[in-house]
Amino acid sequence: MRWILAIPLILFGAFLFSLTIDSIGEIGNIILNIVGFGFLLVGAIVGRRKKEQQS
């Protein structure tokens, strides 16, 4: 179930991280890269989370 959430987060993060838009300026591109990296990080954390043991 967690892969259903992790894969779109990673893909969207990679898209935002690699996107460059001239009209938003240098600061806007830096913010876009930070947001994209955040999506990548959250997707990786969700994908790597281990299942809890049930006793």
PDB file of N, CA and C in Angstrom:
ATOM      1  N   MET A   1       0.815  -1.198   0.000  1.00  0.00           N
ATOM      2  CA  MET A   1       0.000   0.000   0.000  1.00  0.00           C
ATOM      3  C   MET A   1       0.863   1.269   0.000  1.00  0.00           C
ATOM      4  N   ARG A   2       1.988   1.198   0.712  1.00  0.00           N
ATOM      5  CA  ARG A   2       2.832   2.397   0.800  1.00  0.00           C
ATOM      6  C   ARG A   2       3.480   2.735  -0.532  1.00  0.00           C
ATOM      7  N   TRP A   3       3.660   1.738  -1.426  1.00  0.00           N
ATOM      8  CA  TRP A   3       4.248   2.000  -2.736  1.00  0.00           C
ATOM      9  C   TRP A   3       3.314   2.818  -3.617  1.00  0.00           C
ATOM     10  N   ILE A   4       2.008   2.662  -3.392  1.00  0.00           N
ATOM     11  CA  ILE A   4       1.033   3.441  -4.159  1.00  0.00           C
ATOM     12  C   ILE A   4       1.210   4.929  -3.872  1.00  0.00           C
ATOM     13  N   LEU A   5       1.633   5.267  -2.676  1.00  0.00           N
ATOM     14  CA  LEU A   5       1.877   6.659  -2.305  1.00  0.00           C
ATOM     15  C   LEU A   5       3.309   7.091  -2.634  1.00  0.00           C
ATOM     16  N   ALA A   6       4.265   6.194  -2.473  1.00  0.00           N
ATOM     17  CA  ALA A   6       5.676   6.556  -2.630  1.00  0.00           C
ATOM     18  C   ALA A   6       6.051   6.842  -4.087  1.00  0.00           C
ATOM     19  N   ILE A   7       5.574   6.036  -5.015  1.00  0.00           N
ATOM     20  CA  ILE A   7       5.966   6.195  -6.418  1.00  0.00           C
ATOM     21  C   ILE A   7       5.516   7.537  -7.002  1.00  0.00           C
ATOM     22  N   PRO A   8       4.246   7.963  -6.823  1.00  0.00           N
ATOM     23  CA  PRO A   8       3.880   9.295  -7.342  1.00  0.00           C
ATOM     24  C   PRO A   8       4.638  10.434  -6.664  1.00  0.00           C
ATOM     25  N   LEU A   9       4.912  10.310  -5.364  1.00  0.00           N
ATOM     26  CA  LEU A   9       5.675  11.355  -4.683  1.00  0.00           C
ATOM     27  C   LEU A   9       7.074  11.483  -5.275  1.00  0.00           C
ATOM     28  N   ILE A  10       7.725  10.364  -5.536  1.00  0.00           N
ATOM     29  CA  ILE A  10       9.073  10.393  -6.100  1.00  0.00           C
ATOM     30  C   ILE A  10       9.046  10.957  -7.519  1.00  0.00           C
ATOM     31  N   LEU A  11       8.085  10.535  -8.324  1.00  0.00           N
ATOM     32  CA  LEU A  11       8.008  11.039  -9.700  1.00  0.00           C
ATOM     33  C   LEU A  11       7.712  12.536  -9.738  1.00  0.00           C
ATOM     34  N   PHE A  12       6.764  13.001  -8.918  1.00  0.00           N
ATOM     35  CA  PHE A  12       6.434  14.419  -8.879  1.00  0.00           C
ATOM     36  C   PHE A  12       7.603  15.240  -8.338  1.00  0.00           C
ATOM     37  N   GLY A  13       8.299  14.712  -7.343  1.00  0.00           N
ATOM     38  CA  GLY A  13       9.473  15.400  -6.807  1.00  0.00           C
ATOM     39  C   GLY A  13      10.586  15.516  -7.823  1.00  0.00           C
ATOM     40  N   ALA A  14      10.820  14.453  -8.585  1.00  0.00           N
ATOM     41  CA  ALA A  14      11.860  14.494  -9.619  1.00  0.00           C
ATOM     42  C   ALA A  14      11.493  15.490 -10.711  1.00  0.00           C
ATOM     43  N   PHE A  15      10.197  15.553 -11.058  1.00  0.00           N
ATOM     44  CA  PHE A  15       9.739  16.523 -12.052  1.00  0.00           C
ATOM     45  C   PHE A  15       9.960  17.948 -11.569  1.00  0.00           C
ATOM     46  N   LEU A  16       9.558  18.250 -10.341  1.00  0.00           N
ATOM     47  CA  LEU A  16       9.737  19.599  -9.803  1.00  0.00           C
ATOM     48  C   LEU A  16      11.209  19.951  -9.640  1.00  0.00           C
ATOM     49  N   PHE A  17      12.014  18.980  -9.226  1.00  0.00           N
ATOM     50  CA  PHE A  17      13.440  19.231  -9.002  1.00  0.00           C
ATOM     51  C   PHE A  17      14.154  19.574 -10.302  1.00  0.00           C
ATOM     52  N   SER A  18      13.742  18.959 -11.401  1.00  0.00           N
ATOM     53  CA  SER A  18      14.416  19.195 -12.673  1.00  0.00           C
ATOM     54  C   SER A  18      13.804  20.327 -13.487  1.00  0.00           C
ATOM     55  N   LEU A  19      12.662  20.857 -13.069  1.00  0.00           N
ATOM     56  CA  LEU A  19      11.952  21.886 -13.814  1.00  0.00           C
ATOM     57  C   LEU A  19      12.637  23.244 -13.659  1.00  0.00           C
ATOM     58  N   THR A  20      12.760  23.981 -14.749  1.00  0.00           N
ATOM     59  CA  THR A  20      13.292  25.345 -14.725  1.00  0.00           C
ATOM     60  C   THR A  20      12.343  26.238 -15.526  1.00  0.00           C
ATOM     61  N   ILE A  21      11.860  27.301 -14.866  1.00  0.00           N
ATOM     62  CA  ILE A  21      10.940  28.237 -15.506  1.00  0.00           C
ATOM     63  C   ILE A  21      11.593  29.620 -15.458  1.00  0.00           C
ATOM     64  N   ASP A  22      11.782  30.234 -16.609  1.00  0.00           N
ATOM     65  CA  ASP A  22      12.456  31.526 -16.672  1.00  0.00           C
ATOM     66  C   ASP A  22      11.629  32.659 -16.073  1.00  0.00           C
ATOM     67  N   SER A  23      10.308  32.563 -16.179  1.00  0.00           N
ATOM     68  CA  SER A  23       9.471  33.687 -15.760  1.00  0.00           C
ATOM     69  C   SER A  23       9.359  33.839 -14.238  1.00  0.00           C
ATOM     70  N   ILE A  24       9.707  32.821 -13.465  1.00  0.00           N
ATOM     71  CA  ILE A  24       9.588  32.959 -12.009  1.00  0.00           C
ATOM     72  C   ILE A  24      10.888  33.421 -11.365  1.00  0.00           C
ATOM     73  N   GLY A  25      11.948  33.528 -12.140  1.00  0.00           N
ATOM     74  CA  GLY A  25      13.203  34.075 -11.638  1.00  0.00           C
ATOM     75  C   GLY A  25      14.059  33.048 -10.921  1.00  0.00           C
ATOM     76  N   GLU A  26      15.202  33.529 -10.455  1.00  0.00           N
ATOM     77  CA  GLU A  26      16.174  32.642  -9.805  1.00  0.00           C
ATOM     78  C   GLU A  26      15.680  32.159  -8.447  1.00  0.00           C
ATOM     79  N   ILE A  27      15.082  33.054  -7.663  1.00  0.00           N
ATOM     80  CA  ILE A  27      14.573  32.680  -6.344  1.00  0.00           C
ATOM     81  C   ILE A  27      13.445  31.655  -6.481  1.00  0.00           C
ATOM     82  N   GLY A  28      12.574  31.847  -7.450  1.00  0.00           N
ATOM     83  CA  GLY A  28      11.481  30.904  -7.676  1.00  0.00           C
ATOM     84  C   GLY A  28      11.980  29.531  -8.067  1.00  0.00           C
ATOM     85  N   ASN A  29      13.036  29.477  -8.887  1.00  0.00           N
ATOM     86  CA  ASN A  29      13.608  28.192  -9.263  1.00  0.00           C
ATOM     87  C   ASN A  29      14.276  27.501  -8.078  1.00  0.00           C
ATOM     88  N   ILE A  30      14.890  28.267  -7.199  1.00  0.00           N
ATOM     89  CA  ILE A  30      15.495  27.692  -5.998  1.00  0.00           C
ATOM     90  C   ILE A  30      14.405  27.108  -5.097  1.00  0.00           C
ATOM     91  N   ILE A  31      13.316  27.841  -4.919  1.00  0.00           N
ATOM     92  CA  ILE A  31      12.193  27.344  -4.110  1.00  0.00           C
ATOM     93  C   ILE A  31      11.598  26.088  -4.739  1.00  0.00           C
ATOM     94  N   LEU A  32      11.474  26.073  -6.059  1.00  0.00           N
ATOM     95  CA  LEU A  32      10.950  24.901  -6.769  1.00  0.00           C
ATOM     96  C   LEU A  32      11.862  23.696  -6.566  1.00  0.00           C
ATOM     97  N   ASN A  33      13.172  23.899  -6.588  1.00  0.00           N
ATOM     98  CA  ASN A  33      14.108  22.805  -6.335  1.00  0.00           C
ATOM     99  C   ASN A  33      13.993  22.287  -4.906  1.00  0.00           C
ATOM    100  N   ILE A  34      13.812  23.185  -3.951  1.00  0.00           N
ATOM    101  CA  ILE A  34      13.676  22.770  -2.551  1.00  0.00           C
ATOM    102  C   ILE A  34      12.400  21.959  -2.352  1.00  0.00           C
ATOM    103  N   VAL A  35      11.298  22.415  -2.948  1.00  0.00           N
ATOM    104  CA  VAL A  35      10.032  21.686  -2.843  1.00  0.00           C
ATOM    105  C   VAL A  35      10.146  20.318  -3.520  1.00  0.00           C
ATOM    106  N   GLY A  36      10.781  20.273  -4.675  1.00  0.00           N
ATOM    107  CA  GLY A  36      10.983  19.009  -5.372  1.00  0.00           C
ATOM    108  C   GLY A  36      11.828  18.043  -4.562  1.00  0.00           C
ATOM    109  N   PHE A  37      12.882  18.541  -3.937  1.00  0.00           N
ATOM    110  CA  PHE A  37      13.719  17.691  -3.091  1.00  0.00           C
ATOM    111  C   PHE A  37      12.933  17.202  -1.884  1.00  0.00           C
ATOM    112  N   GLY A  38      12.054  18.052  -1.349  1.00  0.00           N
ATOM    113  CA  GLY A  38      11.209  17.637  -0.224  1.00  0.00           C
ATOM    114  C   GLY A  38      10.281  16.498  -0.612  1.00  0.00           C
ATOM    115  N   PHE A  39       9.672  16.580  -1.797  1.00  0.00           N
ATOM    116  CA  PHE A  39       8.815  15.491  -2.274  1.00  0.00           C
ATOM    117  C   PHE A  39       9.625  14.209  -2.449  1.00  0.00           C
ATOM    118  N   LEU A  40      10.830  14.324  -3.001  1.00  0.00           N
ATOM    119  CA  LEU A  40      11.687  13.145  -3.147  1.00  0.00           C
ATOM    120  C   LEU A  40      12.010  12.522  -1.794  1.00  0.00           C
ATOM    121  N   LEU A  41      12.316  13.353  -0.827  1.00  0.00           N
ATOM    122  CA  LEU A  41      12.668  12.874   0.505  1.00  0.00           C
ATOM    123  C   LEU A  41      11.485  12.184   1.173  1.00  0.00           C
ATOM    124  N   VAL A  42      10.315  12.796   1.094  1.00  0.00           N
ATOM    125  CA  VAL A  42       9.118  12.192   1.701  1.00  0.00           C
ATOM    126  C   VAL A  42       8.778  10.880   1.008  1.00  0.00           C
ATOM    127  N   GLY A  43       8.884  10.827  -0.307  1.00  0.00           N
ATOM    128  CA  GLY A  43       8.624   9.591  -1.040  1.00  0.00           C
ATOM    129  C   GLY A  43       9.591   8.487  -0.650  1.00  0.00           C
ATOM    130  N   ALA A  44      10.855   8.835  -0.461  1.00  0.00           N
ATOM    131  CA  ALA A  44      11.841   7.835  -0.048  1.00  0.00           C
ATOM    132  C   ALA A  44      11.568   7.340   1.368  1.00  0.00           C
ATOM    133  N   ILE A  45      11.180   8.226   2.262  1.00  0.00           N
ATOM    134  CA  ILE A  45      10.876   7.823   3.640  1.00  0.00           C
ATOM    135  C   ILE A  45       9.657   6.919   3.673  1.00  0.00           C
ATOM    136  N   VAL A  46       8.627   7.264   2.921  1.00  0.00           N
ATOM    137  CA  VAL A  46       7.419   6.437   2.884  1.00  0.00           C
ATOM    138  C   VAL A  46       7.742   5.066   2.283  1.00  0.00           C
ATOM    139  N   GLY A  47       8.560   5.026   1.252  1.00  0.00           N
ATOM    140  CA  GLY A  47       8.895   3.764   0.606  1.00  0.00           C
ATOM    141  C   GLY A  47       9.781   2.865   1.434  1.00  0.00           C
ATOM    142  N   ARG A  48      10.626   3.440   2.273  1.00  0.00           N
ATOM    143  CA  ARG A  48      11.568   2.655   3.065  1.00  0.00           C
ATOM    144  C   ARG A  48      11.013   2.248   4.423  1.00  0.00           C
ATOM    145  N   ARG A  49       9.875   2.782   4.814  1.00  0.00           N
ATOM    146  CA  ARG A  49       9.316   2.496   6.140  1.00  0.00           C
ATOM    147  C   ARG A  49       9.059   1.008   6.291  1.00  0.00           C
ATOM    148  N   LYS A  50       9.505   0.443   7.401  1.00  0.00           N
ATOM    149  CA  LYS A  50       9.341  -0.982   7.643  1.00  0.00           C
ATOM    150  C   LYS A  50       7.988  -1.260   8.283  1.00  0.00           C
ATOM    151  N   LYS A  51       7.503  -2.469   8.042  1.00  0.00           N
ATOM    152  CA  LYS A  51       6.248  -2.868   8.663  1.00  0.00           C
ATOM    153  C   LYS A  51       6.481  -3.136  10.151  1.00  0.00           C
ATOM    154  N   GLU A  52       5.476  -2.805  10.950  1.00  0.00           N
ATOM    155  CA  GLU A  52       5.553  -3.098  12.359  1.00  0.00           C
ATOM    156  C   GLU A  52       5.205  -4.561  12.593  1.00  0.00           C
ATOM    157  N   GLN A  53       5.896  -5.173  13.535  1.00  0.00           N
ATOM    158  CA  GLN A  53       5.612  -6.569  13.845  1.00  0.00           C
ATOM    159  C   GLN A  53       4.332  -6.674  14.650  1.00  0.00           C
ATOM    160  N   GLN A  54       3.510  -7.656  14.288  1.00  0.00           N
ATOM    161  CA  GLN A  54       2.282  -7.887  15.042  1.00  0.00           C
ATOM    162  C   GLN A  54       2.488  -9.100  15.920  1.00  0.00           C
ATOM    163  N   SER A  55       2.252  -8.937  17.219  1.00  0.00           N
ATOM    164  CA  SER A  55       2.452 -10.045  18.159  1.00  0.00           C
ATOM    165  C   SER A  55       1.153 -10.732  18.471  1.00  0.00           C
TER     166      SER A  55
END
